[in-house]
Amino acid sequence: MENSKIIKIAVVGPESTGKTVLCEQLALHYNTIFVPEYARDYFLTKNIEGHTKEDLNIIYEKQILSESKIVKQANRFLFCDTNLISGKVWADVVFKSAPEFISQNISNTDHDLHLLCDIDLPWVADEQRRNEYNRKEIMQMHVNELQKLGLNFEIIKGFDKDRVKNAIIAISKYF
C-alpha cells in the first residue's frame, strides 16, 4: 500500500495505562501492524536508573526510524506505541526540559491522531516504571502538550474490551 495513504495513530499517555496492549489489539482489529515502544528494548540492556537526556535522544531517534521502516508494511493504519509527545513529557518530568532531538522535532510530528490513554487502569509495577504517584500530573502534561501543538487527540478510557471499543469509536470520528 502506498505510504501517503497510511493513517498514523500514536498511542500515548502516562506509564501503566495500557498503551502497548491497546496498540496490539487495534492492529489486530484493523488487520495491520504497530510500532513497538523502542525504550522498552533499550532499557533491557541499559540501566534505567542512570539514564540521561542523550539516552532519550537515541530512543526517540530510533522510535522515528522504526516508524519510517514499519509504515511500508502497514495496511491503512499504523499504530505507534508512543511518540515525541510522551518523550517530551518524560523528559520534562525527569530532567525538567526536553533534549535537543525532541525539542527540534516535536512540532513536526506526522501522526494523524493521538489516542491518550487515561489513568483509569490500575498501576502495574515493572522494572522500567517510575511514576506511580504522579500519573494525574503526567496525564495533564500530555493534554497540555497536545493542545499546545494543536494536535488531534482523544482520551481513551475503559477496561479491557471497552477500552478497545472506545478507541475504535474515537478513530471512526476521524477516519
N, C-alpha and C. Protein backbone atom coordinates (compact mmCIF):
# COMPACT_ATOMS: atom_id res chain seq x y z
N MET A 1 0.85 -1.18 0.00
CA MET A 1 0.00 0.00 0.00
C MET A 1 0.89 1.24 0.00
N GLU A 2 0.48 2.26 -0.67
CA GLU A 2 1.25 3.50 -0.77
C GLU A 2 1.30 4.22 0.57
N ASN A 3 2.50 4.65 0.98
CA ASN A 3 2.70 5.27 2.29
C ASN A 3 1.82 6.48 2.53
N SER A 4 1.55 7.28 1.51
CA SER A 4 0.77 8.50 1.71
C SER A 4 -0.66 8.20 2.16
N LYS A 5 -1.12 7.01 1.96
CA LYS A 5 -2.48 6.64 2.37
C LYS A 5 -2.53 6.03 3.77
N ILE A 6 -1.39 5.81 4.38
CA ILE A 6 -1.35 5.22 5.72
C ILE A 6 -1.69 6.29 6.75
N ILE A 7 -2.62 5.96 7.62
CA ILE A 7 -3.03 6.86 8.71
C ILE A 7 -2.24 6.45 9.95
N LYS A 8 -1.45 7.39 10.46
CA LYS A 8 -0.60 7.10 11.62
C LYS A 8 -1.29 7.57 12.90
N ILE A 9 -1.45 6.64 13.82
CA ILE A 9 -2.11 6.93 15.09
C ILE A 9 -1.14 6.61 16.23
N ALA A 10 -0.81 7.64 17.01
CA ALA A 10 0.08 7.47 18.16
C ALA A 10 -0.75 7.17 19.40
N VAL A 11 -0.33 6.18 20.15
CA VAL A 11 -0.97 5.84 21.41
C VAL A 11 -0.01 6.31 22.51
N VAL A 12 -0.45 7.31 23.26
CA VAL A 12 0.42 7.97 24.24
C VAL A 12 -0.25 8.01 25.60
N GLY A 13 0.51 8.43 26.60
CA GLY A 13 -0.05 8.58 27.93
C GLY A 13 0.95 8.21 29.01
N PRO A 14 0.54 8.37 30.26
CA PRO A 14 1.39 8.01 31.39
C PRO A 14 1.71 6.52 31.40
N GLU A 15 2.64 6.15 32.26
CA GLU A 15 3.01 4.75 32.41
C GLU A 15 1.82 3.93 32.91
N SER A 16 1.82 2.67 32.51
CA SER A 16 0.85 1.69 33.00
C SER A 16 -0.59 2.09 32.70
N THR A 17 -0.82 2.55 31.47
CA THR A 17 -2.18 2.90 31.05
C THR A 17 -2.65 2.04 29.88
N GLY A 18 -1.94 0.97 29.61
CA GLY A 18 -2.40 0.02 28.60
C GLY A 18 -2.06 0.38 27.17
N LYS A 19 -1.06 1.20 26.96
CA LYS A 19 -0.72 1.64 25.61
C LYS A 19 -0.31 0.49 24.69
N THR A 20 0.58 -0.35 25.17
CA THR A 20 1.08 -1.45 24.33
C THR A 20 -0.03 -2.44 24.00
N VAL A 21 -0.80 -2.81 24.99
CA VAL A 21 -1.92 -3.74 24.77
C VAL A 21 -2.92 -3.13 23.79
N LEU A 22 -3.20 -1.84 23.94
CA LEU A 22 -4.15 -1.18 23.04
C LEU A 22 -3.60 -1.18 21.61
N CYS A 23 -2.32 -0.89 21.43
CA CYS A 23 -1.73 -0.94 20.09
C CYS A 23 -1.87 -2.33 19.48
N GLU A 24 -1.55 -3.34 20.26
CA GLU A 24 -1.66 -4.72 19.77
C GLU A 24 -3.09 -5.04 19.35
N GLN A 25 -4.05 -4.67 20.19
CA GLN A 25 -5.45 -5.00 19.91
C GLN A 25 -6.00 -4.21 18.72
N LEU A 26 -5.60 -2.95 18.60
CA LEU A 26 -6.06 -2.15 17.46
C LEU A 26 -5.44 -2.67 16.16
N ALA A 27 -4.17 -3.02 16.19
CA ALA A 27 -3.54 -3.58 15.00
C ALA A 27 -4.25 -4.87 14.57
N LEU A 28 -4.60 -5.69 15.53
CA LEU A 28 -5.33 -6.92 15.23
C LEU A 28 -6.71 -6.61 14.64
N HIS A 29 -7.42 -5.67 15.26
CA HIS A 29 -8.76 -5.30 14.80
C HIS A 29 -8.74 -4.77 13.37
N TYR A 30 -7.76 -3.93 13.05
CA TYR A 30 -7.69 -3.29 11.74
C TYR A 30 -6.81 -4.07 10.75
N ASN A 31 -6.38 -5.26 11.14
CA ASN A 31 -5.56 -6.11 10.27
C ASN A 31 -4.33 -5.36 9.76
N THR A 32 -3.59 -4.79 10.69
CA THR A 32 -2.38 -4.06 10.34
C THR A 32 -1.31 -4.36 11.38
N ILE A 33 -0.32 -3.51 11.47
CA ILE A 33 0.78 -3.71 12.41
C ILE A 33 0.93 -2.48 13.30
N PHE A 34 1.79 -2.62 14.31
CA PHE A 34 2.07 -1.46 15.16
C PHE A 34 3.57 -1.36 15.39
N VAL A 35 4.00 -0.16 15.76
CA VAL A 35 5.40 0.11 16.07
C VAL A 35 5.58 -0.01 17.58
N PRO A 36 6.37 -0.97 18.04
CA PRO A 36 6.58 -1.10 19.49
C PRO A 36 7.36 0.08 20.06
N GLU A 37 7.26 0.24 21.36
CA GLU A 37 7.99 1.30 22.06
C GLU A 37 9.46 0.90 22.15
N TYR A 38 10.32 1.68 21.50
CA TYR A 38 11.75 1.34 21.46
C TYR A 38 12.39 1.40 22.85
N ALA A 39 11.94 2.30 23.71
CA ALA A 39 12.54 2.46 25.04
C ALA A 39 12.53 1.15 25.83
N ARG A 40 11.49 0.35 25.66
CA ARG A 40 11.41 -0.93 26.38
C ARG A 40 12.62 -1.81 26.06
N ASP A 41 12.93 -1.96 24.78
CA ASP A 41 14.08 -2.77 24.37
C ASP A 41 15.39 -2.12 24.79
N TYR A 42 15.47 -0.82 24.66
CA TYR A 42 16.69 -0.08 25.00
C TYR A 42 17.08 -0.32 26.45
N PHE A 43 16.12 -0.26 27.35
CA PHE A 43 16.43 -0.40 28.77
C PHE A 43 16.51 -1.86 29.24
N LEU A 44 16.35 -2.80 28.33
CA LEU A 44 16.65 -4.19 28.68
C LEU A 44 18.15 -4.41 28.78
N THR A 45 18.92 -3.57 28.08
CA THR A 45 20.38 -3.72 28.07
C THR A 45 21.10 -2.57 28.77
N LYS A 46 20.36 -1.59 29.24
CA LYS A 46 20.96 -0.42 29.88
C LYS A 46 20.18 -0.10 31.15
N ASN A 47 20.88 0.30 32.19
CA ASN A 47 20.24 0.61 33.46
C ASN A 47 19.41 1.89 33.35
N ILE A 48 18.12 1.78 33.60
CA ILE A 48 17.24 2.94 33.51
C ILE A 48 17.53 3.97 34.60
N GLU A 49 18.09 3.52 35.72
CA GLU A 49 18.33 4.43 36.85
C GLU A 49 19.21 5.62 36.49
N GLY A 50 20.23 5.40 35.70
CA GLY A 50 21.15 6.50 35.40
C GLY A 50 20.97 7.08 34.02
N HIS A 51 19.78 6.96 33.44
CA HIS A 51 19.62 7.43 32.07
C HIS A 51 19.73 8.95 31.98
N THR A 52 20.11 9.39 30.78
CA THR A 52 20.37 10.81 30.54
C THR A 52 19.50 11.32 29.40
N LYS A 53 19.60 12.62 29.17
CA LYS A 53 18.90 13.20 28.02
C LYS A 53 19.42 12.59 26.72
N GLU A 54 20.69 12.27 26.67
CA GLU A 54 21.25 11.65 25.47
C GLU A 54 20.59 10.30 25.19
N ASP A 55 20.29 9.55 26.24
CA ASP A 55 19.55 8.30 26.06
C ASP A 55 18.20 8.57 25.39
N LEU A 56 17.52 9.63 25.82
CA LEU A 56 16.22 9.96 25.22
C LEU A 56 16.38 10.36 23.76
N ASN A 57 17.45 11.09 23.43
CA ASN A 57 17.70 11.41 22.02
C ASN A 57 17.82 10.12 21.20
N ILE A 58 18.60 9.18 21.69
CA ILE A 58 18.80 7.90 20.98
C ILE A 58 17.47 7.15 20.86
N ILE A 59 16.75 7.05 21.96
CA ILE A 59 15.48 6.32 21.98
C ILE A 59 14.50 6.88 20.96
N TYR A 60 14.32 8.19 20.95
CA TYR A 60 13.29 8.76 20.07
C TYR A 60 13.75 8.87 18.62
N GLU A 61 15.05 8.96 18.38
CA GLU A 61 15.55 8.85 17.01
C GLU A 61 15.24 7.46 16.47
N LYS A 62 15.49 6.44 17.29
CA LYS A 62 15.22 5.05 16.88
C LYS A 62 13.72 4.80 16.74
N GLN A 63 12.91 5.42 17.60
CA GLN A 63 11.46 5.27 17.51
C GLN A 63 10.96 5.77 16.15
N ILE A 64 11.42 6.95 15.76
CA ILE A 64 11.00 7.53 14.48
C ILE A 64 11.54 6.70 13.32
N LEU A 65 12.76 6.23 13.43
CA LEU A 65 13.33 5.37 12.39
C LEU A 65 12.51 4.08 12.24
N SER A 66 12.12 3.50 13.36
CA SER A 66 11.27 2.29 13.32
C SER A 66 9.96 2.57 12.60
N GLU A 67 9.34 3.70 12.92
CA GLU A 67 8.08 4.07 12.24
C GLU A 67 8.28 4.15 10.74
N SER A 68 9.36 4.82 10.32
CA SER A 68 9.58 5.02 8.89
C SER A 68 9.81 3.70 8.15
N LYS A 69 10.38 2.72 8.84
CA LYS A 69 10.58 1.40 8.23
C LYS A 69 9.30 0.57 8.23
N ILE A 70 8.60 0.56 9.35
CA ILE A 70 7.43 -0.30 9.51
C ILE A 70 6.22 0.21 8.72
N VAL A 71 6.14 1.51 8.48
CA VAL A 71 4.98 2.08 7.78
C VAL A 71 4.79 1.41 6.41
N LYS A 72 5.86 0.96 5.81
CA LYS A 72 5.79 0.32 4.49
C LYS A 72 5.00 -0.99 4.53
N GLN A 73 4.87 -1.58 5.72
CA GLN A 73 4.16 -2.85 5.86
C GLN A 73 2.72 -2.67 6.35
N ALA A 74 2.34 -1.44 6.65
CA ALA A 74 1.03 -1.18 7.25
C ALA A 74 -0.10 -1.31 6.24
N ASN A 75 -1.27 -1.58 6.78
CA ASN A 75 -2.49 -1.71 5.99
C ASN A 75 -3.47 -0.64 6.47
N ARG A 76 -3.52 0.47 5.78
CA ARG A 76 -4.38 1.62 6.08
C ARG A 76 -3.98 2.38 7.33
N PHE A 77 -3.84 1.69 8.46
CA PHE A 77 -3.46 2.33 9.73
C PHE A 77 -2.10 1.82 10.19
N LEU A 78 -1.35 2.69 10.86
CA LEU A 78 -0.15 2.30 11.58
C LEU A 78 -0.30 2.83 13.00
N PHE A 79 -0.29 1.93 13.96
CA PHE A 79 -0.40 2.32 15.36
C PHE A 79 1.01 2.40 15.95
N CYS A 80 1.27 3.49 16.66
CA CYS A 80 2.60 3.76 17.20
C CYS A 80 2.53 3.81 18.72
N ASP A 81 3.24 2.89 19.35
CA ASP A 81 3.26 2.80 20.81
C ASP A 81 4.25 3.84 21.33
N THR A 82 3.80 5.06 21.44
CA THR A 82 4.47 6.27 21.92
C THR A 82 4.94 7.12 20.74
N ASN A 83 5.27 8.36 21.05
CA ASN A 83 5.91 9.26 20.09
C ASN A 83 6.57 10.40 20.86
N LEU A 84 6.95 11.45 20.15
CA LEU A 84 7.69 12.54 20.78
C LEU A 84 6.90 13.28 21.86
N ILE A 85 5.58 13.21 21.82
CA ILE A 85 4.77 13.86 22.87
C ILE A 85 5.10 13.23 24.22
N SER A 86 5.01 11.91 24.29
CA SER A 86 5.35 11.22 25.54
C SER A 86 6.82 11.39 25.88
N GLY A 87 7.68 11.46 24.86
CA GLY A 87 9.10 11.70 25.11
C GLY A 87 9.35 13.04 25.76
N LYS A 88 8.65 14.06 25.30
CA LYS A 88 8.81 15.39 25.89
C LYS A 88 8.30 15.40 27.33
N VAL A 89 7.15 14.80 27.55
CA VAL A 89 6.60 14.75 28.91
C VAL A 89 7.57 13.99 29.83
N TRP A 90 8.07 12.86 29.38
CA TRP A 90 9.03 12.07 30.16
C TRP A 90 10.25 12.93 30.52
N ALA A 91 10.80 13.63 29.52
CA ALA A 91 11.97 14.47 29.75
C ALA A 91 11.65 15.61 30.72
N ASP A 92 10.49 16.22 30.57
CA ASP A 92 10.10 17.31 31.47
C ASP A 92 9.97 16.83 32.91
N VAL A 93 9.44 15.62 33.09
CA VAL A 93 9.29 15.07 34.44
C VAL A 93 10.65 14.76 35.05
N VAL A 94 11.51 14.10 34.28
CA VAL A 94 12.78 13.63 34.82
C VAL A 94 13.86 14.71 34.83
N PHE A 95 13.95 15.47 33.73
CA PHE A 95 15.06 16.41 33.56
C PHE A 95 14.64 17.88 33.57
N LYS A 96 13.35 18.14 33.65
CA LYS A 96 12.78 19.50 33.65
C LYS A 96 12.88 20.20 32.29
N SER A 97 13.38 19.51 31.28
CA SER A 97 13.39 20.04 29.91
C SER A 97 13.68 18.89 28.95
N ALA A 98 13.30 19.10 27.70
CA ALA A 98 13.47 18.05 26.69
C ALA A 98 14.86 18.14 26.06
N PRO A 99 15.40 16.99 25.63
CA PRO A 99 16.67 17.01 24.92
C PRO A 99 16.51 17.60 23.52
N GLU A 100 17.63 17.89 22.91
CA GLU A 100 17.66 18.59 21.63
C GLU A 100 16.82 17.91 20.55
N PHE A 101 16.97 16.61 20.37
CA PHE A 101 16.25 15.93 19.29
C PHE A 101 14.74 16.09 19.44
N ILE A 102 14.24 15.90 20.64
CA ILE A 102 12.80 16.03 20.88
C ILE A 102 12.35 17.46 20.66
N SER A 103 13.08 18.42 21.21
CA SER A 103 12.71 19.84 21.07
C SER A 103 12.67 20.27 19.62
N GLN A 104 13.63 19.80 18.83
CA GLN A 104 13.72 20.20 17.43
C GLN A 104 12.68 19.53 16.54
N ASN A 105 12.16 18.39 16.96
CA ASN A 105 11.29 17.61 16.08
C ASN A 105 9.84 17.49 16.52
N ILE A 106 9.52 17.88 17.73
CA ILE A 106 8.17 17.64 18.26
C ILE A 106 7.09 18.35 17.44
N SER A 107 7.39 19.53 16.95
CA SER A 107 6.36 20.27 16.20
C SER A 107 6.16 19.69 14.80
N ASN A 108 7.00 18.76 14.39
CA ASN A 108 6.88 18.13 13.07
C ASN A 108 6.23 16.76 13.13
N THR A 109 5.63 16.42 14.26
CA THR A 109 5.01 15.10 14.37
C THR A 109 4.00 14.91 13.24
N ASP A 110 4.03 13.74 12.63
CA ASP A 110 3.15 13.50 11.48
C ASP A 110 2.06 12.47 11.78
N HIS A 111 1.74 12.32 13.05
CA HIS A 111 0.65 11.41 13.41
C HIS A 111 -0.69 12.10 13.17
N ASP A 112 -1.60 11.38 12.57
CA ASP A 112 -2.90 11.96 12.22
C ASP A 112 -3.83 12.06 13.41
N LEU A 113 -3.60 11.23 14.41
CA LEU A 113 -4.43 11.20 15.61
C LEU A 113 -3.60 10.67 16.77
N HIS A 114 -3.88 11.19 17.95
CA HIS A 114 -3.26 10.69 19.18
C HIS A 114 -4.36 10.12 20.07
N LEU A 115 -4.18 8.89 20.49
CA LEU A 115 -5.07 8.28 21.48
C LEU A 115 -4.36 8.39 22.82
N LEU A 116 -4.89 9.21 23.70
CA LEU A 116 -4.29 9.46 25.01
C LEU A 116 -4.95 8.53 26.02
N CYS A 117 -4.19 7.54 26.48
CA CYS A 117 -4.72 6.54 27.41
C CYS A 117 -4.85 7.14 28.81
N ASP A 118 -6.06 7.06 29.34
CA ASP A 118 -6.37 7.63 30.65
C ASP A 118 -5.77 6.78 31.76
N ILE A 119 -5.72 7.37 32.95
CA ILE A 119 -5.14 6.71 34.12
C ILE A 119 -6.18 5.92 34.90
N ASP A 120 -7.26 5.52 34.24
CA ASP A 120 -8.32 4.76 34.92
C ASP A 120 -7.98 3.29 35.11
N LEU A 121 -6.87 2.83 34.56
CA LEU A 121 -6.42 1.46 34.80
C LEU A 121 -5.54 1.42 36.04
N PRO A 122 -5.57 0.33 36.79
CA PRO A 122 -4.70 0.24 37.97
C PRO A 122 -3.22 0.18 37.57
N TRP A 123 -2.39 0.73 38.43
CA TRP A 123 -0.95 0.72 38.23
C TRP A 123 -0.43 -0.72 38.29
N VAL A 124 0.45 -1.06 37.34
CA VAL A 124 1.13 -2.35 37.35
C VAL A 124 2.63 -2.06 37.33
N ALA A 125 3.31 -2.43 38.38
CA ALA A 125 4.74 -2.15 38.50
C ALA A 125 5.56 -3.05 37.60
N ASP A 126 6.67 -2.53 37.10
CA ASP A 126 7.71 -3.33 36.47
C ASP A 126 9.04 -2.60 36.63
N GLU A 127 10.12 -3.20 36.14
CA GLU A 127 11.46 -2.65 36.35
C GLU A 127 11.66 -1.29 35.70
N GLN A 128 10.86 -0.94 34.71
CA GLN A 128 11.07 0.29 33.96
C GLN A 128 10.12 1.42 34.34
N ARG A 129 9.17 1.16 35.18
CA ARG A 129 8.18 2.19 35.53
C ARG A 129 8.57 2.90 36.82
N ARG A 130 8.40 4.23 36.83
CA ARG A 130 8.85 5.03 37.96
C ARG A 130 7.81 6.02 38.48
N ASN A 131 6.69 6.16 37.83
CA ASN A 131 5.81 7.30 38.11
C ASN A 131 4.43 6.91 38.59
N GLU A 132 4.35 6.05 39.57
CA GLU A 132 3.06 5.61 40.09
C GLU A 132 2.29 6.75 40.75
N TYR A 133 2.99 7.64 41.43
CA TYR A 133 2.31 8.62 42.28
C TYR A 133 2.02 9.95 41.61
N ASN A 134 2.50 10.17 40.40
CA ASN A 134 2.20 11.43 39.72
C ASN A 134 1.55 11.21 38.35
N ARG A 135 0.79 10.16 38.23
CA ARG A 135 0.13 9.85 36.96
C ARG A 135 -0.86 10.94 36.55
N LYS A 136 -1.56 11.51 37.51
CA LYS A 136 -2.53 12.56 37.19
C LYS A 136 -1.82 13.78 36.59
N GLU A 137 -0.72 14.16 37.19
CA GLU A 137 0.07 15.28 36.68
C GLU A 137 0.62 14.97 35.28
N ILE A 138 1.11 13.76 35.09
CA ILE A 138 1.66 13.37 33.79
C ILE A 138 0.56 13.31 32.73
N MET A 139 -0.61 12.87 33.11
CA MET A 139 -1.76 12.87 32.20
C MET A 139 -2.05 14.30 31.74
N GLN A 140 -2.10 15.22 32.69
CA GLN A 140 -2.39 16.62 32.35
C GLN A 140 -1.27 17.22 31.48
N MET A 141 -0.05 16.83 31.72
CA MET A 141 1.06 17.31 30.89
C MET A 141 0.89 16.85 29.44
N HIS A 142 0.42 15.62 29.24
CA HIS A 142 0.14 15.14 27.89
C HIS A 142 -0.96 15.98 27.23
N VAL A 143 -2.04 16.22 27.97
CA VAL A 143 -3.14 17.03 27.43
C VAL A 143 -2.61 18.41 27.04
N ASN A 144 -1.85 19.03 27.92
CA ASN A 144 -1.33 20.37 27.66
C ASN A 144 -0.45 20.40 26.42
N GLU A 145 0.41 19.42 26.28
CA GLU A 145 1.33 19.37 25.13
C GLU A 145 0.56 19.16 23.83
N LEU A 146 -0.40 18.26 23.83
CA LEU A 146 -1.21 18.01 22.63
C LEU A 146 -2.01 19.25 22.25
N GLN A 147 -2.57 19.93 23.23
CA GLN A 147 -3.33 21.16 22.96
C GLN A 147 -2.41 22.27 22.45
N LYS A 148 -1.26 22.42 23.09
CA LYS A 148 -0.31 23.47 22.69
C LYS A 148 0.10 23.31 21.23
N LEU A 149 0.28 22.08 20.80
CA LEU A 149 0.70 21.81 19.42
C LEU A 149 -0.48 21.73 18.45
N GLY A 150 -1.70 21.83 18.96
CA GLY A 150 -2.89 21.80 18.11
C GLY A 150 -3.11 20.46 17.43
N LEU A 151 -2.77 19.37 18.12
CA LEU A 151 -2.89 18.04 17.53
C LEU A 151 -4.23 17.39 17.84
N ASN A 152 -4.70 16.58 16.91
CA ASN A 152 -5.93 15.81 17.14
C ASN A 152 -5.67 14.75 18.19
N PHE A 153 -6.53 14.71 19.21
CA PHE A 153 -6.40 13.66 20.21
C PHE A 153 -7.73 13.35 20.85
N GLU A 154 -7.83 12.12 21.34
CA GLU A 154 -8.99 11.64 22.07
C GLU A 154 -8.48 10.92 23.31
N ILE A 155 -9.12 11.17 24.44
CA ILE A 155 -8.79 10.46 25.67
C ILE A 155 -9.53 9.13 25.67
N ILE A 156 -8.80 8.06 25.90
CA ILE A 156 -9.36 6.71 25.84
C ILE A 156 -9.46 6.15 27.26
N LYS A 157 -10.69 5.80 27.64
CA LYS A 157 -10.98 5.24 28.96
C LYS A 157 -11.57 3.85 28.80
N GLY A 158 -11.69 3.17 29.93
CA GLY A 158 -12.36 1.87 29.94
C GLY A 158 -11.39 0.73 30.18
N PHE A 159 -11.96 -0.40 30.57
CA PHE A 159 -11.19 -1.60 30.86
C PHE A 159 -11.34 -2.61 29.73
N ASP A 160 -10.27 -3.30 29.44
CA ASP A 160 -10.26 -4.43 28.51
C ASP A 160 -10.95 -4.10 27.19
N LYS A 161 -11.99 -4.86 26.85
CA LYS A 161 -12.66 -4.69 25.56
C LYS A 161 -13.32 -3.32 25.43
N ASP A 162 -13.76 -2.75 26.54
CA ASP A 162 -14.37 -1.41 26.48
C ASP A 162 -13.35 -0.36 26.04
N ARG A 163 -12.11 -0.51 26.48
CA ARG A 163 -11.06 0.43 26.11
C ARG A 163 -10.82 0.36 24.61
N VAL A 164 -10.73 -0.85 24.09
CA VAL A 164 -10.53 -1.04 22.66
C VAL A 164 -11.72 -0.49 21.89
N LYS A 165 -12.93 -0.80 22.34
CA LYS A 165 -14.14 -0.29 21.69
C LYS A 165 -14.14 1.24 21.67
N ASN A 166 -13.77 1.85 22.78
CA ASN A 166 -13.73 3.32 22.84
C ASN A 166 -12.67 3.89 21.90
N ALA A 167 -11.56 3.20 21.74
CA ALA A 167 -10.54 3.65 20.80
C ALA A 167 -11.05 3.54 19.36
N ILE A 168 -11.73 2.46 19.05
CA ILE A 168 -12.29 2.27 17.70
C ILE A 168 -13.32 3.35 17.40
N ILE A 169 -14.15 3.67 18.37
CA ILE A 169 -15.13 4.75 18.20
C ILE A 169 -14.41 6.08 17.96
N ALA A 170 -13.36 6.35 18.73
CA ALA A 170 -12.60 7.59 18.55
C ALA A 170 -11.98 7.66 17.16
N ILE A 171 -11.41 6.57 16.71
CA ILE A 171 -10.80 6.53 15.38
C ILE A 171 -11.85 6.77 14.31
N SER A 172 -13.03 6.19 14.48
CA SER A 172 -14.09 6.34 13.48
C SER A 172 -14.60 7.78 13.37
N LYS A 173 -14.40 8.58 14.40
CA LYS A 173 -14.78 10.01 14.33
C LYS A 173 -13.92 10.75 13.31
N TYR A 174 -12.71 10.28 13.10
CA TYR A 174 -11.75 10.97 12.24
C TYR A 174 -11.60 10.31 10.87
N PHE A 175 -11.74 8.99 10.81
CA PHE A 175 -11.41 8.28 9.56
C PHE A 175 -12.48 7.29 9.18
